[in-house]
Amino acid sequence: MLRLMDQPEDTPTLPARFYRRKAADARRTAEGVTTRALKERLHGLARDFDRLADAADSAAQPSDPLAELMRQQWRGRG
């Protein structure tokens, strides 16, 4: 699994949209998989990418309650 903590602090963060796209790809791939273990693995990978996207958003922007609310609403649509 991907872990943000495994990256050295000086490693540049990719844009959140990259991780969100990867999460969507994993979910789309999981839809066509019939093996339960593989489907669960892909959904777990999608969750990891979502967490990385959230971390990238947090790193890229100063703390802003309105922006956080908008991100939560956007994620609720996905």
Protein backbone atom coordinates (compact mmCIF):
# COMPACT_ATOMS: atom_id res chain seq x y z
CA MET A 1 0.00 0.00 0.00
CA LEU A 2 1.08 3.54 -0.58
CA ARG A 3 1.97 5.43 2.56
CA LEU A 4 2.71 9.14 2.53
CA MET A 5 4.92 8.65 5.59
CA ASP A 6 7.23 6.41 3.55
CA GLN A 7 8.28 9.39 1.46
CA PRO A 8 11.17 11.53 2.63
CA GLU A 9 10.08 15.01 3.67
CA ASP A 10 11.94 16.64 0.79
CA THR A 11 10.09 14.55 -1.83
CA PRO A 12 7.90 16.88 -3.89
CA THR A 13 4.18 16.15 -3.74
CA LEU A 14 2.35 15.49 -6.98
CA PRO A 15 -0.82 17.49 -7.65
CA ALA A 16 -3.96 16.17 -5.99
CA ARG A 17 -5.63 15.75 -9.38
CA PHE A 18 -3.00 13.09 -10.27
CA TYR A 19 -3.93 11.01 -7.22
CA ARG A 20 -7.66 11.51 -7.75
CA ARG A 21 -7.32 10.31 -11.34
CA LYS A 22 -5.43 7.21 -10.15
CA ALA A 23 -8.14 6.55 -7.54
CA ALA A 24 -10.82 6.79 -10.22
CA ASP A 25 -8.83 4.44 -12.47
CA ALA A 26 -8.56 1.87 -9.67
CA ARG A 27 -12.31 2.07 -8.97
CA ARG A 28 -13.15 1.76 -12.66
CA THR A 29 -10.88 -1.27 -12.97
CA ALA A 30 -12.45 -2.84 -9.87
CA GLU A 31 -15.87 -2.68 -11.55
CA GLY A 32 -14.75 -5.16 -14.19
CA VAL A 33 -12.97 -7.57 -11.86
CA THR A 34 -14.73 -10.73 -10.71
CA THR A 35 -12.18 -11.91 -8.12
CA ARG A 36 -13.20 -10.56 -4.72
CA ALA A 37 -9.63 -10.32 -3.38
CA LEU A 38 -8.48 -8.30 -6.38
CA LYS A 39 -11.57 -6.07 -6.20
CA GLU A 40 -10.87 -5.37 -2.50
CA ARG A 41 -7.21 -4.65 -3.28
CA LEU A 42 -8.18 -2.15 -5.98
CA HIS A 43 -10.67 -0.41 -3.68
CA GLY A 44 -7.96 -0.24 -0.99
CA LEU A 45 -5.58 1.26 -3.52
CA ALA A 46 -8.23 3.83 -4.47
CA ARG A 47 -8.60 4.80 -0.79
CA ASP A 48 -4.82 5.19 -0.51
CA PHE A 49 -4.81 7.46 -3.56
CA ASP A 50 -7.66 9.50 -2.06
CA ARG A 51 -5.62 9.97 1.13
CA LEU A 52 -2.61 11.06 -0.91
CA ALA A 53 -4.81 13.53 -2.80
CA ASP A 54 -6.10 14.94 0.49
CA ALA A 55 -2.54 15.28 1.75
CA ALA A 56 -1.48 17.00 -1.48
CA ASP A 57 -4.42 19.40 -1.15
CA SER A 58 -3.44 20.16 2.45
CA ALA A 59 0.20 20.70 1.54
CA ALA A 60 -0.64 22.94 -1.40
CA GLN A 61 -3.04 25.27 0.39
CA PRO A 62 -3.01 27.13 3.67
CA SER A 63 -5.67 26.13 6.15
CA ASP A 64 -8.94 27.51 4.82
CA PRO A 65 -12.23 26.24 6.29
CA LEU A 66 -14.23 27.18 3.18
CA ALA A 67 -11.82 25.34 0.88
CA GLU A 68 -11.99 22.28 3.14
CA LEU A 69 -15.79 22.31 3.02
CA MET A 70 -15.72 22.55 -0.77
CA ARG A 71 -13.28 19.60 -0.98
CA GLN A 72 -15.52 17.48 1.23
CA GLN A 73 -18.55 18.30 -0.92
CA TRP A 74 -16.61 17.52 -4.10
CA ARG A 75 -15.48 14.14 -2.71
CA GLY A 76 -19.06 13.33 -1.75
CA ARG A 77 -20.02 13.43 -5.43
CA GLY A 78 -17.35 10.88 -6.48
